[in-house]
PDB file of N, CA and C in Angstrom:
ATOM      1  N   MET A   1      97.684 150.511  49.258  1.00  0.00           N
ATOM      2  CA  MET A   1      98.552 150.729  50.103  1.00  0.00           C
ATOM      3  C   MET A   1      98.000 150.198  51.628  1.00  0.00           C
ATOM      4  N   VAL A   2      96.979 150.273  51.602  1.00  0.00           N
ATOM      5  CA  VAL A   2      96.125 149.816  52.933  1.00  0.00           C
ATOM      6  C   VAL A   2      95.990 148.549  52.604  1.00  0.00           C
ATOM      7  N   THR A   3      95.939 148.080  51.989  1.00  0.00           N
ATOM      8  CA  THR A   3      95.791 146.505  51.581  1.00  0.00           C
ATOM      9  C   THR A   3      97.194 146.019  51.455  1.00  0.00           C
ATOM     10  N   ALA A   4      97.921 146.310  51.290  1.00  0.00           N
ATOM     11  CA  ALA A   4      99.197 145.803  51.530  1.00  0.00           C
ATOM     12  C   ALA A   4      99.830 145.585  53.198  1.00  0.00           C
ATOM     13  N   ALA A   5      99.437 146.947  53.680  1.00  0.00           N
ATOM     14  CA  ALA A   5      99.284 146.888  55.429  1.00  0.00           C
ATOM     15  C   ALA A   5      99.047 145.640  56.097  1.00  0.00           C
ATOM     16  N   VAL A   6      97.609 146.261  55.569  1.00  0.00           N
ATOM     17  CA  VAL A   6      96.574 144.528  55.748  1.00  0.00           C
ATOM     18  C   VAL A   6      97.127 143.425  55.662  1.00  0.00           C
ATOM     19  N   ILE A   7      97.864 142.906  54.870  1.00  0.00           N
ATOM     20  CA  ILE A   7      98.182 141.370  54.430  1.00  0.00           C
ATOM     21  C   ILE A   7      99.153 141.315  55.032  1.00  0.00           C
ATOM     22  N   ILE A   8     100.126 142.164  55.373  1.00  0.00           N
ATOM     23  CA  ILE A   8     101.727 142.444  56.336  1.00  0.00           C
ATOM     24  C   ILE A   8     101.072 141.680  57.846  1.00  0.00           C
ATOM     25  N   PHE A   9     100.123 142.402  58.357  1.00  0.00           N
ATOM     26  CA  PHE A   9      99.559 142.579  59.699  1.00  0.00           C
ATOM     27  C   PHE A   9      99.367 141.168  59.366  1.00  0.00           C
ATOM     28  N   ALA A  10      98.518 141.001  58.882  1.00  0.00           N
ATOM     29  CA  ALA A  10      97.735 139.628  58.831  1.00  0.00           C
ATOM     30  C   ALA A  10      98.964 138.223  58.576  1.00  0.00           C
ATOM     31  N   LEU A  11     100.150 138.104  57.736  1.00  0.00           N
ATOM     32  CA  LEU A  11     101.122 137.724  57.937  1.00  0.00           C
ATOM     33  C   LEU A  11     101.764 137.435  59.362  1.00  0.00           C
ATOM     34  N   VAL A  12     101.882 138.043  59.645  1.00  0.00           N
ATOM     35  CA  VAL A  12     103.052 138.692  60.924  1.00  0.00           C
ATOM     36  C   VAL A  12     102.063 138.050  62.071  1.00  0.00           C
ATOM     37  N   GLY A  13     100.918 138.533  62.179  1.00  0.00           N
ATOM     38  CA  GLY A  13      99.631 137.850  63.145  1.00  0.00           C
ATOM     39  C   GLY A  13      99.751 136.550  63.088  1.00  0.00           C
ATOM     40  N   PHE A  14      99.253 136.116  62.104  1.00  0.00           N
ATOM     41  CA  PHE A  14      99.604 134.310  61.551  1.00  0.00           C
ATOM     42  C   PHE A  14     100.711 133.909  62.161  1.00  0.00           C
ATOM     43  N   ALA A  15     101.834 134.294  62.091  1.00  0.00           N
ATOM     44  CA  ALA A  15     103.183 133.813  62.218  1.00  0.00           C
ATOM     45  C   ALA A  15     103.146 133.608  63.459  1.00  0.00           C
ATOM     46  N   LEU A  16     103.019 134.896  64.333  1.00  0.00           N
ATOM     47  CA  LEU A  16     103.037 134.709  65.609  1.00  0.00           C
ATOM     48  C   LEU A  16     101.914 133.707  66.559  1.00  0.00           C
ATOM     49  N   PHE A  17     100.798 133.710  66.099  1.00  0.00           N
ATOM     50  CA  PHE A  17     100.098 132.733  66.287  1.00  0.00           C
ATOM     51  C   PHE A  17     100.587 131.496  66.340  1.00  0.00           C
ATOM     52  N   TYR A  18     101.007 131.193  65.024  1.00  0.00           N
ATOM     53  CA  TYR A  18     101.401 129.707  64.865  1.00  0.00           C
ATOM     54  C   TYR A  18     102.758 129.473  65.759  1.00  0.00           C
ATOM     55  N   PHE A  19     103.365 130.281  65.823  1.00  0.00           N
ATOM     56  CA  PHE A  19     104.752 129.459  66.814  1.00  0.00           C
ATOM     57  C   PHE A  19     104.342 129.557  68.345  1.00  0.00           C
ATOM     58  N   VAL A  20     103.202 130.395  68.609  1.00  0.00           N
ATOM     59  CA  VAL A  20     102.531 130.197  69.954  1.00  0.00           C
ATOM     60  C   VAL A  20     101.960 128.649  69.857  1.00  0.00           C
ATOM     61  N   ALA A  21     101.315 128.787  69.066  1.00  0.00           N
ATOM     62  CA  ALA A  21     100.609 127.362  69.038  1.00  0.00           C
ATOM     63  C   ALA A  21     101.104 126.257  69.156  1.00  0.00           C
ATOM     64  N   LYS A  22     102.484 126.219  67.964  1.00  0.00           N
ATOM     65  CA  LYS A  22     103.167 125.413  68.263  1.00  0.00           C
ATOM     66  C   LYS A  22     103.603 125.233  69.611  1.00  0.00           C
ATOM     67  N   ARG A  23     104.317 126.285  70.170  1.00  0.00           N
ATOM     68  CA  ARG A  23     104.874 126.079  71.470  1.00  0.00           C
ATOM     69  C   ARG A  23     104.046 125.731  72.669  1.00  0.00           C
ATOM     70  N   VAL A  24     102.922 125.908  72.859  1.00  0.00           N
ATOM     71  CA  VAL A  24     101.664 125.383  73.807  1.00  0.00           C
ATOM     72  C   VAL A  24     101.596 124.007  73.041  1.00  0.00           C
ATOM     73  N   LEU A  25     101.426 123.674  72.128  1.00  0.00           N
ATOM     74  CA  LEU A  25     101.206 122.043  71.849  1.00  0.00           C
ATOM     75  C   LEU A  25     102.338 121.238  72.514  1.00  0.00           C
ATOM     76  N   ARG A  26     103.519 121.821  71.815  1.00  0.00           N
ATOM     77  CA  ARG A  26     104.887 121.053  72.622  1.00  0.00           C
ATOM     78  C   ARG A  26     104.431 120.904  74.316  1.00  0.00           C
ATOM     79  N   MET A  27     104.398 121.739  74.735  1.00  0.00           N
ATOM     80  CA  MET A  27     104.135 121.755  76.317  1.00  0.00           C
ATOM     81  C   MET A  27     102.529 121.064  76.925  1.00  0.00           C
ATOM     82  N   ALA A  28     101.982 121.143  76.046  1.00  0.00           N
ATOM     83  CA  ALA A  28     100.711 119.748  76.520  1.00  0.00           C
ATOM     84  C   ALA A  28     101.160 118.452  76.152  1.00  0.00           C
ATOM     85  N   ILE A  29     102.051 118.581  75.045  1.00  0.00           N
ATOM     86  CA  ILE A  29     102.290 116.646  75.012  1.00  0.00           C
ATOM     87  C   ILE A  29     103.416 116.326  76.173  1.00  0.00           C
ATOM     88  N   ARG A  30     104.163 117.415  76.108  1.00  0.00           N
ATOM     89  CA  ARG A  30     105.103 116.965  77.580  1.00  0.00           C
ATOM     90  C   ARG A  30     104.592 116.958  79.062  1.00  0.00           C
ATOM     91  N   LEU A  31     103.530 117.681  78.960  1.00  0.00           N
ATOM     92  CA  LEU A  31     102.637 117.392  80.762  1.00  0.00           C
ATOM     93  C   LEU A  31     102.005 116.304  80.570  1.00  0.00           C
ATOM     94  N   ALA A  32     101.203 115.997  79.256  1.00  0.00           N
ATOM     95  CA  ALA A  32     100.331 114.818  79.103  1.00  0.00           C
ATOM     96  C   ALA A  32     101.143 113.618  79.198  1.00  0.00           C
ATOM     97  N   LEU A  33     102.656 113.700  79.118  1.00  0.00           N
ATOM     98  CA  LEU A  33     103.564 112.372  78.942  1.00  0.00           C
ATOM     99  C   LEU A  33     104.134 112.368  80.204  1.00  0.00           C
ATOM    100  N   PHE A  34     104.566 113.575  80.995  1.00  0.00           N
ATOM    101  CA  PHE A  34     104.444 113.801  82.562  1.00  0.00           C
ATOM    102  C   PHE A  34     103.535 112.769  83.476  1.00  0.00           C
ATOM    103  N   GLY A  35     102.275 113.416  83.039  1.00  0.00           N
ATOM    104  CA  GLY A  35     101.010 112.685  83.737  1.00  0.00           C
ATOM    105  C   GLY A  35     101.202 110.998  83.326  1.00  0.00           C
ATOM    106  N   ALA A  36     101.019 110.953  82.325  1.00  0.00           N
ATOM    107  CA  ALA A  36     101.191 109.395  82.067  1.00  0.00           C
ATOM    108  C   ALA A  36     102.076 108.534  82.718  1.00  0.00           C
ATOM    109  N   VAL A  37     103.763 109.285  82.846  1.00  0.00           N
ATOM    110  CA  VAL A  37     104.401 108.568  83.725  1.00  0.00           C
ATOM    111  C   VAL A  37     104.105 108.599  85.344  1.00  0.00           C
ATOM    112  N   LEU A  38     103.147 109.316  85.875  1.00  0.00           N
ATOM    113  CA  LEU A  38     103.236 109.409  86.639  1.00  0.00           C
ATOM    114  C   LEU A  38     101.838 108.859  87.114  1.00  0.00           C
ATOM    115  N   PHE A  39     100.633 108.380  86.366  1.00  0.00           N
ATOM    116  CA  PHE A  39      99.677 107.737  86.698  1.00  0.00           C
ATOM    117  C   PHE A  39     100.628 106.305  86.693  1.00  0.00           C
ATOM    118  N   ALA A  40     101.333 105.880  85.463  1.00  0.00           N
ATOM    119  CA  ALA A  40     101.799 104.349  85.652  1.00  0.00           C
ATOM    120  C   ALA A  40     102.717 104.232  87.237  1.00  0.00           C
ATOM    121  N   LEU A  41     103.476 105.013  87.590  1.00  0.00           N
ATOM    122  CA  LEU A  41     104.320 105.229  88.978  1.00  0.00           C
ATOM    123  C   LEU A  41     103.100 104.407  89.659  1.00  0.00           C
ATOM    124  N   LEU A  42     101.754 105.452  89.868  1.00  0.00           N
ATOM    125  CA  LEU A  42     100.928 105.240  90.895  1.00  0.00           C
ATOM    126  C   LEU A  42     100.487 104.008  90.645  1.00  0.00           C
ATOM    127  N   ALA A  43      99.763 103.555  89.495  1.00  0.00           N
ATOM    128  CA  ALA A  43      99.088 102.326  89.487  1.00  0.00           C
ATOM    129  C   ALA A  43     100.519 101.150  89.818  1.00  0.00           C
ATOM    130  N   GLY A  44     101.255 101.303  89.671  1.00  0.00           N
ATOM    131  CA  GLY A  44     102.845 100.259  89.746  1.00  0.00           C
ATOM    132  C   GLY A  44     102.397 100.292  91.517  1.00  0.00           C
ATOM    133  N   ALA A  45     102.358 101.399  92.187  1.00  0.00           N
ATOM    134  CA  ALA A  45     102.168 101.343  93.584  1.00  0.00           C
ATOM    135  C   ALA A  45     100.992 100.722  94.093  1.00  0.00           C
ATOM    136  N   VAL A  46      99.918 101.024  93.408  1.00  0.00           N
ATOM    137  CA  VAL A  46      99.101 100.399  93.962  1.00  0.00           C
ATOM    138  C   VAL A  46      98.997  98.821  93.860  1.00  0.00           C
ATOM    139  N   ALA A  47      99.512  98.262  92.371  1.00  0.00           N
ATOM    140  CA  ALA A  47      99.609  97.418  92.471  1.00  0.00           C
ATOM    141  C   ALA A  47     100.596  96.467  93.400  1.00  0.00           C
ATOM    142  N   TRP A  48     101.940  97.035  93.709  1.00  0.00           N
ATOM    143  CA  TRP A  48     102.820  96.069  94.755  1.00  0.00           C
ATOM    144  C   TRP A  48     101.905  96.350  95.979  1.00  0.00           C
ATOM    145  N   TRP A  49     101.211  97.252  96.403  1.00  0.00           N
ATOM    146  CA  TRP A  49     101.110  97.457  97.701  1.00  0.00           C
ATOM    147  C   TRP A  49      99.473  96.346  97.718  1.00  0.00           C
ATOM    148  N   TRP A  50      98.698  96.472  96.745  1.00  0.00           N
ATOM    149  CA  TRP A  50      97.883  95.002  96.781  1.00  0.00           C
ATOM    150  C   TRP A  50      97.899  93.343  96.551  1.00  0.00           C
ATOM    151  N   TYR A  51      99.310  93.510  96.004  1.00  0.00           N
ATOM    152  CA  TYR A  51      99.623  92.361  95.976  1.00  0.00           C
ATOM    153  C   TYR A  51     100.588  91.486  96.947  1.00  0.00           C
ATOM    154  N   ASP A  52     101.299  92.643  97.750  1.00  0.00           N
ATOM    155  CA  ASP A  52     102.377  92.732  98.465  1.00  0.00           C
ATOM    156  C   ASP A  52     103.382  91.995  98.365  1.00  0.00           C
ATOM    157  N   PRO A  53     103.921  91.359  97.370  1.00  0.00           N
ATOM    158  CA  PRO A  53     105.179  90.194  96.859  1.00  0.00           C
ATOM    159  C   PRO A  53     106.221  90.057  98.213  1.00  0.00           C
ATOM    160  N   LEU A  54     106.637  91.230  98.788  1.00  0.00           N
ATOM    161  CA  LEU A  54     107.166  90.748 100.087  1.00  0.00           C
ATOM    162  C   LEU A  54     106.790  90.882 101.354  1.00  0.00           C
ATOM    163  N   GLY A  55     105.251  90.788 101.436  1.00  0.00           N
ATOM    164  CA  GLY A  55     104.745  90.463 102.684  1.00  0.00           C
ATOM    165  C   GLY A  55     104.674  88.896 103.114  1.00  0.00           C
ATOM    166  N   PRO A  56     104.101  88.625 104.078  1.00  0.00           N
ATOM    167  CA  PRO A  56     104.012  87.163 104.762  1.00  0.00           C
ATOM    168  C   PRO A  56     103.551  86.355 103.702  1.00  0.00           C
ATOM    169  N   SER A  57     104.668  85.231 103.624  1.00  0.00           N
ATOM    170  CA  SER A  57     103.703  84.346 102.591  1.00  0.00           C
ATOM    171  C   SER A  57     102.530  83.665 103.007  1.00  0.00           C
ATOM    172  N   ASP A  58     101.790  82.414 102.387  1.00  0.00           N
ATOM    173  CA  ASP A  58     100.669  81.754 102.902  1.00  0.00           C
ATOM    174  C   ASP A  58     100.989  81.508 103.850  1.00  0.00           C
ATOM    175  N   ASP A  59     102.258  80.413 103.962  1.00  0.00           N
ATOM    176  CA  ASP A  59     102.394  79.704 105.135  1.00  0.00           C
ATOM    177  C   ASP A  59     102.672  80.510 106.899  1.00  0.00           C
ATOM    178  N   ALA A  60     103.445  81.642 106.382  1.00  0.00           N
ATOM    179  CA  ALA A  60     103.340  82.115 107.649  1.00  0.00           C
ATOM    180  C   ALA A  60     101.994  82.556 108.438  1.00  0.00           C
ATOM    181  N   ARG A  61     101.172  83.027 107.449  1.00  0.00           N
ATOM    182  CA  ARG A  61      99.909  83.524 108.001  1.00  0.00           C
ATOM    183  C   ARG A  61      98.901  82.711 108.615  1.00  0.00           C
ATOM    184  N   PRO A  62      98.742  83.020 109.563  1.00  0.00           N
ATOM    185  CA  PRO A  62      97.858  82.056 110.639  1.00  0.00           C
ATOM    186  C   PRO A  62      96.073  81.588 109.773  1.00  0.00           C
ATOM    187  N   ASN A  63      96.080  80.367 109.952  1.00  0.00           N
ATOM    188  CA  ASN A  63      94.473  79.345 109.468  1.00  0.00           C
ATOM    189  C   ASN A  63      93.732  80.258 110.320  1.00  0.00           C
ATOM    190  N   ARG A  64      92.789  80.880 109.868  1.00  0.00           N
ATOM    191  CA  ARG A  64      91.546  81.489 110.763  1.00  0.00           C
ATOM    192  C   ARG A  64      90.367  80.435 111.105  1.00  0.00           C
ATOM    193  N   ASN A  65      90.776  79.265 110.260  1.00  0.00           N
ATOM    194  CA  ASN A  65      89.964  78.082 110.262  1.00  0.00           C
ATOM    195  C   ASN A  65      90.141  77.343 111.139  1.00  0.00           C
ATOM    196  N   SER A  66      91.551  77.140 111.562  1.00  0.00           N
ATOM    197  CA  SER A  66      92.288  76.288 112.730  1.00  0.00           C
ATOM    198  C   SER A  66      91.586  76.247 114.049  1.00  0.00           C
ATOM    199  N   ALA A  67      91.761  75.484 114.855  1.00  0.00           N
ATOM    200  CA  ALA A  67      91.672  75.982 116.469  1.00  0.00           C
ATOM    201  C   ALA A  67      92.622  76.577 117.050  1.00  0.00           C
ATOM    202  N   SER A  68      92.292  77.314 117.928  1.00  0.00           N
ATOM    203  CA  SER A  68      93.515  78.185 118.404  1.00  0.00           C
ATOM    204  C   SER A  68      94.626  77.711 119.158  1.00  0.00           C
ATOM    205  N   ARG A  69      93.818  76.156 119.785  1.00  0.00           N
ATOM    206  CA  ARG A  69      94.951  75.147 120.632  1.00  0.00           C
ATOM    207  C   ARG A  69      94.796  74.212 120.134  1.00  0.00           C
ATOM    208  N   PRO A  70      95.547  73.461 119.692  1.00  0.00           N
ATOM    209  CA  PRO A  70      95.215  71.451 119.531  1.00  0.00           C
ATOM    210  C   PRO A  70      94.236  71.309 120.638  1.00  0.00           C
ATOM    211  N   ALA A  71      93.571  70.151 120.315  1.00  0.00           N
ATOM    212  CA  ALA A  71      92.292  69.350 121.037  1.00  0.00           C
ATOM    213  C   ALA A  71      93.273  68.464 121.596  1.00  0.00           C
ATOM    214  N   ARG A  72      92.890  68.266 122.830  1.00  0.00           N
ATOM    215  CA  ARG A  72      93.207  67.287 124.199  1.00  0.00           C
ATOM    216  C   ARG A  72      93.117  65.687 123.136  1.00  0.00           C
ATOM    217  N   PRO A  73      93.792  65.011 123.515  1.00  0.00           N
ATOM    218  CA  PRO A  73      93.485  63.700 122.784  1.00  0.00           C
ATOM    219  C   PRO A  73      92.608  63.104 123.937  1.00  0.00           C
ATOM    220  N   ALA A  74      92.017  61.751 122.968  1.00  0.00           N
ATOM    221  CA  ALA A  74      90.443  61.172 123.627  1.00  0.00           C
ATOM    222  C   ALA A  74      91.356  59.957 124.476  1.00  0.00           C
ATOM    223  N   ARG A  75      90.493  59.929 125.864  1.00  0.00           N
ATOM    224  CA  ARG A  75      90.756  59.222 126.554  1.00  0.00           C
ATOM    225  C   ARG A  75      90.477  57.706 126.072  1.00  0.00           C
TER     226      ARG A  75
END
């Protein structure tokens, strides 16, 4: 009789452990996917900032190598 009770308790305990572990695994996968999406958004924002597609073009930026004003014509 004791053996049957131990087997029943073991099966119930295993079932509880199985369902809890399954739920925890699902939540961990969802959290990992959410983290991956957030990381992708952050990487996109950094890339957008780094390459600055809507910023001034090369033509609008001042040329640092040019003189500050045109030279006077030679006499």
